[in-house]
C-alpha atoms as a PDB file:
ATOM      1  CA  MET A   1       7.457 -51.578  83.141  1.00  0.00           C
ATOM      2  CA  THR A   2      10.095 -52.939  80.788  1.00  0.00           C
ATOM      3  CA  ARG A   3       7.579 -53.076  77.951  1.00  0.00           C
ATOM      4  CA  PHE A   4       6.617 -49.437  78.598  1.00  0.00           C
ATOM      5  CA  LEU A   5      10.245 -48.253  78.407  1.00  0.00           C
ATOM      6  CA  THR A   6      10.745 -50.217  75.208  1.00  0.00           C
ATOM      7  CA  CYS A   7       7.814 -48.434  73.523  1.00  0.00           C
ATOM      8  CA  ILE A   8       9.145 -45.048  74.571  1.00  0.00           C
ATOM      9  CA  CYS A   9      12.579 -45.816  73.055  1.00  0.00           C
ATOM     10  CA  VAL A  10      10.975 -46.877  69.765  1.00  0.00           C
ATOM     11  CA  LEU A  11       8.958 -43.643  69.549  1.00  0.00           C
ATOM     12  CA  VAL A  12      11.994 -41.485  70.280  1.00  0.00           C
ATOM     13  CA  GLY A  13      14.033 -43.312  67.631  1.00  0.00           C
ATOM     14  CA  THR A  14      11.292 -42.795  65.025  1.00  0.00           C
ATOM     15  CA  VAL A  15      11.105 -39.056  65.731  1.00  0.00           C
ATOM     16  CA  LEU A  16      14.890 -38.674  65.401  1.00  0.00           C
ATOM     17  CA  THR A  17      14.868 -40.538  62.068  1.00  0.00           C
ATOM     18  CA  VAL A  18      12.144 -38.312  60.566  1.00  0.00           C
ATOM     19  CA  THR A  19      13.932 -35.160  61.737  1.00  0.00           C
ATOM     20  CA  ALA A  20      17.236 -36.237  60.197  1.00  0.00           C
ATOM     21  CA  GLY A  21      15.505 -37.053  56.904  1.00  0.00           C
ATOM     22  CA  SER A  22      13.968 -33.573  56.626  1.00  0.00           C
ATOM     23  CA  ASP A  23      17.408 -31.919  56.944  1.00  0.00           C
ATOM     24  CA  THR A  24      18.874 -33.928  54.040  1.00  0.00           C
ATOM     25  CA  PRO A  25      18.878 -31.880  50.745  1.00  0.00           C
ATOM     26  CA  SER A  26      16.783 -33.327  47.914  1.00  0.00           C
ATOM     27  CA  PRO A  27      18.649 -34.483  44.801  1.00  0.00           C
ATOM     28  CA  LYS A  28      18.915 -31.865  41.987  1.00  0.00           C
ATOM     29  CA  PRO A  29      17.053 -32.522  38.712  1.00  0.00           C
ATOM     30  CA  GLN A  30      19.063 -33.650  35.781  1.00  0.00           C
ATOM     31  CA  HIS A  31      20.141 -31.046  33.146  1.00  0.00           C
ATOM     32  CA  GLY A  32      17.753 -32.431  30.535  1.00  0.00           C
ATOM     33  CA  GLU A  33      14.810 -32.291  32.914  1.00  0.00           C
ATOM     34  CA  ALA A  34      15.530 -28.644  33.832  1.00  0.00           C
ATOM     35  CA  LYS A  35      15.764 -27.624  30.166  1.00  0.00           C
ATOM     36  CA  SER A  36      12.513 -29.390  29.350  1.00  0.00           C
ATOM     37  CA  GLN A  37      10.742 -27.649  32.236  1.00  0.00           C
ATOM     38  CA  ALA A  38      11.999 -24.235  31.032  1.00  0.00           C
ATOM     39  CA  GLN A  39      10.794 -24.888  27.486  1.00  0.00           C
ATOM     40  CA  ASN A  40       7.377 -25.957  28.738  1.00  0.00           C
ATOM     41  CA  ALA A  41       7.106 -22.777  30.806  1.00  0.00           C
ATOM     42  CA  ALA A  42       8.046 -20.575  27.826  1.00  0.00           C
ATOM     43  CA  GLN A  43       5.511 -22.295  25.602  1.00  0.00           C
ATOM     44  CA  ALA A  44       2.820 -21.781  28.223  1.00  0.00           C
ATOM     45  CA  LEU A  45       3.556 -18.028  28.335  1.00  0.00           C
ATOM     46  CA  SER A  46       3.581 -17.501  24.525  1.00  0.00           C
ATOM     47  CA  PRO A  47       1.240 -19.695  22.466  1.00  0.00           C
ATOM     48  CA  PRO A  48       2.476 -20.491  18.941  1.00  0.00           C
ATOM     49  CA  ALA A  49       1.246 -18.274  16.077  1.00  0.00           C
ATOM     50  CA  PHE A  50      -0.901 -19.802  13.358  1.00  0.00           C
ATOM     51  CA  SER A  51       0.671 -20.168   9.920  1.00  0.00           C
ATOM     52  CA  PRO A  52      -0.506 -22.594   7.232  1.00  0.00           C
ATOM     53  CA  HIS A  53       3.084 -23.008   6.016  1.00  0.00           C
ATOM     54  CA  GLY A  54       4.685 -23.098   9.452  1.00  0.00           C
ATOM     55  CA  GLN A  55       6.221 -19.647   9.045  1.00  0.00           C
ATOM     56  CA  PRO A  56       7.223 -18.108  12.404  1.00  0.00           C
ATOM     57  CA  GLN A  57       5.785 -14.834  13.596  1.00  0.00           C
ATOM     58  CA  ARG A  58       8.196 -11.995  12.766  1.00  0.00           C
ATOM     59  CA  THR A  59       9.419  -9.210  15.015  1.00  0.00           C
ATOM     60  CA  ASN A  60       9.151  -5.447  14.479  1.00  0.00           C
ATOM     61  CA  ALA A  61      12.709  -5.277  13.121  1.00  0.00           C
ATOM     62  CA  GLN A  62      12.037  -8.059  10.631  1.00  0.00           C
ATOM     63  CA  ARG A  63       8.960  -6.224   9.313  1.00  0.00           C
ATOM     64  CA  GLY A  64      10.732  -2.897   8.842  1.00  0.00           C
ATOM     65  CA  GLY A  65       9.362  -1.193  11.940  1.00  0.00           C
ATOM     66  CA  LEU A  66       5.750  -2.329  11.535  1.00  0.00           C
ATOM     67  CA  ALA A  67       4.004  -3.978  14.452  1.00  0.00           C
ATOM     68  CA  ALA A  68       4.263  -7.756  14.570  1.00  0.00           C
ATOM     69  CA  GLN A  69       1.120  -9.425  13.252  1.00  0.00           C
ATOM     70  CA  PRO A  70      -0.411 -12.822  14.010  1.00  0.00           C
ATOM     71  CA  GLY A  71       0.566 -15.528  11.576  1.00  0.00           C
ATOM     72  CA  ARG A  72      -2.846 -15.764   9.906  1.00  0.00           C
ATOM     73  CA  ILE A  73      -2.741 -12.010   9.111  1.00  0.00           C
ATOM     74  CA  GLU A  74       0.794 -12.245   7.702  1.00  0.00           C
ATOM     75  CA  TYR A  75      -0.276 -15.153   5.513  1.00  0.00           C
ATOM     76  CA  SER A  76      -3.321 -13.290   4.141  1.00  0.00           C
ATOM     77  CA  TYR A  77      -1.351 -10.447   2.521  1.00  0.00           C
ATOM     78  CA  PRO A  78      -1.130 -10.651  -1.299  1.00  0.00           C
ATOM     79  CA  LEU A  79       2.054 -11.024  -3.362  1.00  0.00           C
ATOM     80  CA  LYS A  80       5.160 -13.037  -2.515  1.00  0.00           C
ATOM     81  CA  GLY A  81       6.618 -10.937   0.279  1.00  0.00           C
ATOM     82  CA  ASP A  82       7.396  -7.549   1.771  1.00  0.00           C
ATOM     83  CA  PRO A  83       9.758  -6.364  -1.028  1.00  0.00           C
ATOM     84  CA  GLU A  84       7.060  -6.773  -3.695  1.00  0.00           C
ATOM     85  CA  ARG A  85       4.421  -5.159  -1.493  1.00  0.00           C
ATOM     86  CA  SER A  86       6.681  -2.246  -0.557  1.00  0.00           C
ATOM     87  CA  LYS A  87       7.452  -1.590  -4.224  1.00  0.00           C
ATOM     88  CA  SER A  88       3.768  -1.426  -5.129  1.00  0.00           C
ATOM     89  CA  VAL A  89       2.857   0.641  -2.063  1.00  0.00           C
ATOM     90  CA  LYS A  90       5.455   3.306  -2.872  1.00  0.00           C
ATOM     91  CA  ALA A  91       4.288   3.597  -6.479  1.00  0.00           C
ATOM     92  CA  LEU A  92       0.594   3.625  -5.568  1.00  0.00           C
ATOM     93  CA  GLN A  93       1.104   6.281  -2.910  1.00  0.00           C
ATOM     94  CA  GLN A  94       2.583   8.566  -5.579  1.00  0.00           C
ATOM     95  CA  LEU A  95      -0.176   7.716  -8.050  1.00  0.00           C
ATOM     96  CA  THR A  96      -2.892   8.393  -5.469  1.00  0.00           C
ATOM     97  CA  VAL A  97      -1.383  11.800  -4.712  1.00  0.00           C
ATOM     98  CA  ASP A  98      -1.259  12.706  -8.420  1.00  0.00           C
ATOM     99  CA  LEU A  99      -4.825  11.537  -9.000  1.00  0.00           C
ATOM    100  CA  LEU A 100      -6.035  13.702  -6.117  1.00  0.00           C
ATOM    101  CA  ALA A 101      -4.064  16.647  -7.475  1.00  0.00           C
ATOM    102  CA  LEU A 102      -5.607  16.215 -10.934  1.00  0.00           C
ATOM    103  CA  HIS A 103      -9.062  15.972  -9.390  1.00  0.00           C
ATOM    104  CA  ASN A 104      -8.471  19.330  -7.729  1.00  0.00           C
ATOM    105  CA  MET A 105      -7.201  20.864 -10.985  1.00  0.00           C
ATOM    106  CA  TYR A 106     -10.285  19.768 -12.903  1.00  0.00           C
ATOM    107  CA  LYS A 107     -12.461  21.266 -10.160  1.00  0.00           C
ATOM    108  CA  GLY A 108     -10.553  24.542 -10.408  1.00  0.00           C
ATOM    109  CA  ALA A 109     -10.947  24.617 -14.183  1.00  0.00           C
ATOM    110  CA  HIS A 110     -14.622  23.750 -13.767  1.00  0.00           C
ATOM    111  CA  TRP A 111     -15.127  26.775 -11.509  1.00  0.00           C
ATOM    112  CA  ASP A 112     -12.968  29.418 -13.206  1.00  0.00           C
ATOM    113  CA  LEU A 113     -13.683  28.622 -16.864  1.00  0.00           C
ATOM    114  CA  THR A 114     -14.609  31.422 -19.284  1.00  0.00           C
ATOM    115  CA  GLY A 115     -15.148  31.619 -23.046  1.00  0.00           C
ATOM    116  CA  PRO A 116     -17.561  30.359 -25.713  1.00  0.00           C
ATOM    117  CA  LEU A 117     -16.966  26.697 -24.739  1.00  0.00           C
ATOM    118  CA  HIS A 118     -17.861  27.323 -21.106  1.00  0.00           C
ATOM    119  CA  LEU A 119     -21.041  25.254 -20.965  1.00  0.00           C
ATOM    120  CA  PRO A 120     -19.817  21.945 -22.513  1.00  0.00           C
ATOM    121  CA  LEU A 121     -16.381  22.168 -20.866  1.00  0.00           C
ATOM    122  CA  HIS A 122     -17.870  23.164 -17.520  1.00  0.00           C
ATOM    123  CA  GLU A 123     -19.847  19.926 -17.463  1.00  0.00           C
ATOM    124  CA  TYR A 124     -17.000  17.855 -18.906  1.00  0.00           C
ATOM    125  CA  TYR A 125     -14.495  19.089 -16.325  1.00  0.00           C
ATOM    126  CA  GLN A 126     -16.888  18.114 -13.539  1.00  0.00           C
ATOM    127  CA  GLN A 127     -17.178  14.603 -14.989  1.00  0.00           C
ATOM    128  CA  GLN A 128     -13.393  14.288 -15.135  1.00  0.00           C
ATOM    129  CA  ALA A 129     -12.985  15.623 -11.596  1.00  0.00           C
ATOM    130  CA  ASP A 130     -15.391  12.940 -10.352  1.00  0.00           C
ATOM    131  CA  PHE A 131     -13.591  10.261 -12.382  1.00  0.00           C
ATOM    132  CA  TYR A 132     -10.132  11.033 -10.993  1.00  0.00           C
ATOM    133  CA  LEU A 133     -11.467  11.152  -7.443  1.00  0.00           C
ATOM    134  CA  ARG A 134     -12.951   7.678  -7.881  1.00  0.00           C
ATOM    135  CA  GLN A 135      -9.650   6.425  -9.290  1.00  0.00           C
ATOM    136  CA  ALA A 136      -7.748   7.887  -6.336  1.00  0.00           C
ATOM    137  CA  ASP A 137     -10.072   5.952  -4.033  1.00  0.00           C
ATOM    138  CA  THR A 138      -9.522   2.725  -6.008  1.00  0.00           C
ATOM    139  CA  PHE A 139      -5.733   2.864  -5.825  1.00  0.00           C
ATOM    140  CA  ALA A 140      -5.688   4.096  -2.231  1.00  0.00           C
ATOM    141  CA  GLU A 141      -7.702   1.018  -1.278  1.00  0.00           C
ATOM    142  CA  ARG A 142      -5.211  -1.151  -3.162  1.00  0.00           C
ATOM    143  CA  VAL A 143      -2.521   0.203  -0.818  1.00  0.00           C
ATOM    144  CA  LEU A 144      -4.679  -0.988   2.091  1.00  0.00           C
ATOM    145  CA  HIS A 145      -4.984  -4.407   0.420  1.00  0.00           C
ATOM    146  CA  LEU A 146      -1.189  -4.601   0.565  1.00  0.00           C
ATOM    147  CA  GLY A 147      -1.066  -3.881   4.306  1.00  0.00           C
ATOM    148  CA  ALA A 148      -0.031  -0.209   4.357  1.00  0.00           C
ATOM    149  CA  SER A 149      -1.722   3.133   5.011  1.00  0.00           C
ATOM    150  CA  VAL A 150      -2.210   6.024   2.578  1.00  0.00           C
ATOM    151  CA  ASP A 151      -1.152   9.636   3.090  1.00  0.00           C
ATOM    152  CA  GLY A 152      -3.706  11.813   1.340  1.00  0.00           C
ATOM    153  CA  ARG A 153      -3.232  14.986   3.371  1.00  0.00           C
ATOM    154  CA  PHE A 154      -3.324  18.319   1.537  1.00  0.00           C
ATOM    155  CA  SER A 155       0.237  19.080   2.596  1.00  0.00           C
ATOM    156  CA  THR A 156       1.448  15.747   1.216  1.00  0.00           C
ATOM    157  CA  ILE A 157      -0.344  16.290  -2.099  1.00  0.00           C
ATOM    158  CA  ALA A 158       1.131  19.777  -2.506  1.00  0.00           C
ATOM    159  CA  ARG A 159       4.630  18.637  -1.552  1.00  0.00           C
ATOM    160  CA  THR A 160       4.919  15.387  -3.508  1.00  0.00           C
ATOM    161  CA  THR A 161       2.732  15.595  -6.635  1.00  0.00           C
ATOM    162  CA  LYS A 162       4.472  15.476  -9.995  1.00  0.00           C
ATOM    163  CA  LEU A 163       1.845  17.728 -11.576  1.00  0.00           C
ATOM    164  CA  ALA A 164       2.338  21.497 -11.767  1.00  0.00           C
ATOM    165  CA  GLU A 165      -0.495  23.499 -10.259  1.00  0.00           C
ATOM    166  CA  LEU A 166      -2.841  25.612 -12.355  1.00  0.00           C
ATOM    167  CA  PRO A 167      -2.457  29.406 -12.326  1.00  0.00           C
ATOM    168  CA  ASP A 168      -4.746  31.443 -10.121  1.00  0.00           C
ATOM    169  CA  GLY A 169      -7.740  33.349 -11.503  1.00  0.00           C
ATOM    170  CA  TYR A 170     -10.015  32.918 -14.514  1.00  0.00           C
ATOM    171  CA  LEU A 171      -9.035  30.523 -17.310  1.00  0.00           C
ATOM    172  CA  THR A 172     -10.143  30.895 -20.917  1.00  0.00           C
ATOM    173  CA  ASP A 173     -11.453  27.713 -22.497  1.00  0.00           C
ATOM    174  CA  ASP A 174      -8.448  27.449 -24.841  1.00  0.00           C
ATOM    175  CA  HIS A 175      -5.916  28.069 -22.082  1.00  0.00           C
ATOM    176  CA  ALA A 176      -7.561  25.602 -19.699  1.00  0.00           C
ATOM    177  CA  LEU A 177      -7.511  22.893 -22.377  1.00  0.00           C
ATOM    178  CA  LYS A 178      -3.771  23.341 -22.945  1.00  0.00           C
ATOM    179  CA  LEU A 179      -2.968  23.368 -19.222  1.00  0.00           C
ATOM    180  CA  LEU A 180      -4.948  20.206 -18.545  1.00  0.00           C
ATOM    181  CA  LEU A 181      -3.554  18.466 -21.630  1.00  0.00           C
ATOM    182  CA  ASP A 182      -0.010  19.014 -20.316  1.00  0.00           C
ATOM    183  CA  ARG A 183      -0.807  17.692 -16.844  1.00  0.00           C
ATOM    184  CA  VAL A 184      -2.808  14.668 -17.941  1.00  0.00           C
ATOM    185  CA  SER A 185       0.073  13.773 -20.285  1.00  0.00           C
ATOM    186  CA  VAL A 186       2.447  13.663 -17.304  1.00  0.00           C
ATOM    187  CA  LEU A 187       0.040  11.335 -15.495  1.00  0.00           C
ATOM    188  CA  GLN A 188      -0.252   9.156 -18.603  1.00  0.00           C
ATOM    189  CA  LYS A 189       3.517   8.579 -18.710  1.00  0.00           C
ATOM    190  CA  GLU A 190       3.543   7.719 -15.010  1.00  0.00           C
ATOM    191  CA  ILE A 191       0.767   5.158 -15.440  1.00  0.00           C
ATOM    192  CA  TYR A 192       2.459   3.413 -18.371  1.00  0.00           C
ATOM    193  CA  GLU A 193       5.706   3.163 -16.404  1.00  0.00           C
ATOM    194  CA  LEU A 194       3.878   1.620 -13.443  1.00  0.00           C
ATOM    195  CA  ILE A 195       2.186  -0.933 -15.685  1.00  0.00           C
ATOM    196  CA  GLY A 196       5.587  -2.240 -16.744  1.00  0.00           C
ATOM    197  CA  GLU A 197       6.978  -2.192 -13.198  1.00  0.00           C
ATOM    198  CA  THR A 198       4.071  -4.116 -11.644  1.00  0.00           C
ATOM    199  CA  GLU A 199       3.168  -6.503 -14.463  1.00  0.00           C
ATOM    200  CA  ALA A 200       5.224  -9.380 -13.061  1.00  0.00           C
ATOM    201  CA  SER A 201       5.337  -8.589  -9.336  1.00  0.00           C
ATOM    202  CA  ASP A 202       1.758  -7.353  -8.795  1.00  0.00           C
ATOM    203  CA  PRO A 203      -0.622  -8.462 -11.586  1.00  0.00           C
ATOM    204  CA  PRO A 204      -3.866  -7.201  -9.947  1.00  0.00           C
ATOM    205  CA  THR A 205      -2.438  -3.687  -9.631  1.00  0.00           C
ATOM    206  CA  SER A 206      -1.108  -3.827 -13.189  1.00  0.00           C
ATOM    207  CA  ASN A 207      -4.562  -4.812 -14.476  1.00  0.00           C
ATOM    208  CA  LYS A 208      -6.181  -1.870 -12.689  1.00  0.00           C
ATOM    209  CA  LEU A 209      -3.515   0.433 -14.099  1.00  0.00           C
ATOM    210  CA  GLN A 210      -4.288  -0.764 -17.611  1.00  0.00           C
ATOM    211  CA  ASP A 211      -7.957   0.108 -17.096  1.00  0.00           C
ATOM    212  CA  LEU A 212      -6.899   3.553 -15.868  1.00  0.00           C
ATOM    213  CA  ALA A 213      -4.551   4.012 -18.834  1.00  0.00           C
ATOM    214  CA  TYR A 214      -7.405   3.374 -21.261  1.00  0.00           C
ATOM    215  CA  SER A 215      -9.540   6.075 -19.625  1.00  0.00           C
ATOM    216  CA  VAL A 216      -6.648   8.552 -19.445  1.00  0.00           C
ATOM    217  CA  ASP A 217      -5.887   7.986 -23.136  1.00  0.00           C
ATOM    218  CA  LYS A 218      -9.540   8.750 -23.872  1.00  0.00           C
ATOM    219  CA  ASN A 219      -9.349  11.891 -21.724  1.00  0.00           C
ATOM    220  CA  LEU A 220      -6.300  13.103 -23.659  1.00  0.00           C
ATOM    221  CA  TRP A 221      -7.996  12.407 -26.994  1.00  0.00           C
ATOM    222  CA  GLN A 222     -11.009  14.479 -25.933  1.00  0.00           C
ATOM    223  CA  LEU A 223      -8.781  17.374 -24.844  1.00  0.00           C
ATOM    224  CA  ARG A 224      -6.786  17.230 -28.084  1.00  0.00           C
ATOM    225  CA  ALA A 225      -9.965  17.246 -30.152  1.00  0.00           C
ATOM    226  CA  HIS A 226     -10.754  20.745 -28.875  1.00  0.00           C
ATOM    227  CA  LEU A 227      -7.287  22.062 -29.752  1.00  0.00           C
ATOM    228  CA  GLN A 228      -6.790  20.511 -33.195  1.00  0.00           C
ATOM    229  CA  LYS A 229      -8.058  22.740 -35.995  1.00  0.00           C
ATOM    230  CA  PRO A 230      -7.816  20.755 -39.228  1.00  0.00           C
ATOM    231  CA  SER A 231      -9.190  22.195 -42.444  1.00  0.00           C
ATOM    232  CA  SER A 232     -10.891  20.213 -45.182  1.00  0.00           C
ATOM    233  CA  ARG A 233      -7.485  19.070 -46.461  1.00  0.00           C
ATOM    234  CA  ARG A 234      -6.319  15.746 -45.022  1.00  0.00           C
ATOM    235  CA  GLY A 235      -2.739  16.983 -44.963  1.00  0.00           C
ATOM    236  CA  ASP A 236      -3.561  19.279 -42.033  1.00  0.00           C
ATOM    237  CA  LEU A 237      -4.334  16.345 -39.765  1.00  0.00           C
ATOM    238  CA  PRO A 238      -1.368  15.345 -37.581  1.00  0.00           C
ATOM    239  CA  TRP A 239      -1.370  11.665 -38.595  1.00  0.00           C
ATOM    240  CA  PHE A 240      -1.093  12.579 -42.313  1.00  0.00           C
ATOM    241  CA  ARG A 241       1.613  15.188 -41.874  1.00  0.00           C
ATOM    242  CA  TYR A 242       4.526  12.830 -42.557  1.00  0.00           C
ATOM    243  CA  GLN A 243       2.794  10.384 -44.877  1.00  0.00           C
ATOM    244  CA  GLY A 244       5.251   9.055 -47.442  1.00  0.00           C
ATOM    245  CA  SER A 245       8.336  10.302 -45.572  1.00  0.00           C
ATOM    246  CA  GLU A 246       9.988   9.865 -42.199  1.00  0.00           C
ATOM    247  CA  PRO A 247       9.280  12.430 -39.494  1.00  0.00           C
ATOM    248  CA  SER A 248      11.941  15.082 -39.094  1.00  0.00           C
ATOM    249  CA  GLY A 249      12.015  14.605 -35.327  1.00  0.00           C
ATOM    250  CA  HIS A 250      10.873  18.184 -34.563  1.00  0.00           C
END
């Protein structure tokens, strides 16, 4: 009987000890442990972005309102950084618009041409219209290379082009030549300015612009050849006019 009571007392004491232990609050983790756990949780939620040079992924504000891109996409863009790319994109957007405008002008002259030179100029204007459309495509794609989109809408072309539109109606061969010569000359000056602006910051674009400049110079020479009317005397040619003396500046 005594042994039985002793066992009961031991069991009761054990139960009371376990109950008291469960009511005791557990010790709080140290500050360093809590911080480490929070960092591990944050890293689990957002995996690190890839970047060969360890460059962090940028936010929308840091990219000027553009959507944040994975590190490998950011690293694949050409040129040194956003300022150089933005400079080229702005210039190429304007150039693309002007090339599309000139394409449309050559098509208009191709359609509405009249006069004794209709047949050769009709075919020539079509060739030039095709050429400027191809060039617009080339430089629009260069904008895409640089990570931006191109605005080639009709409303944008009409609103932003530097080239004056052609008059409505039929165009005589002589009049059409003069109108196109004026507008291609404006484009020529724009191209040469862009070559200088992009030569150091964007060499691939500058090289493409130099190829375009060569073709535009040829286009202007061909237009001038129809308008120049030299006689048999060399002095009537423009490059002999001031031979032996300085030009007057007029």
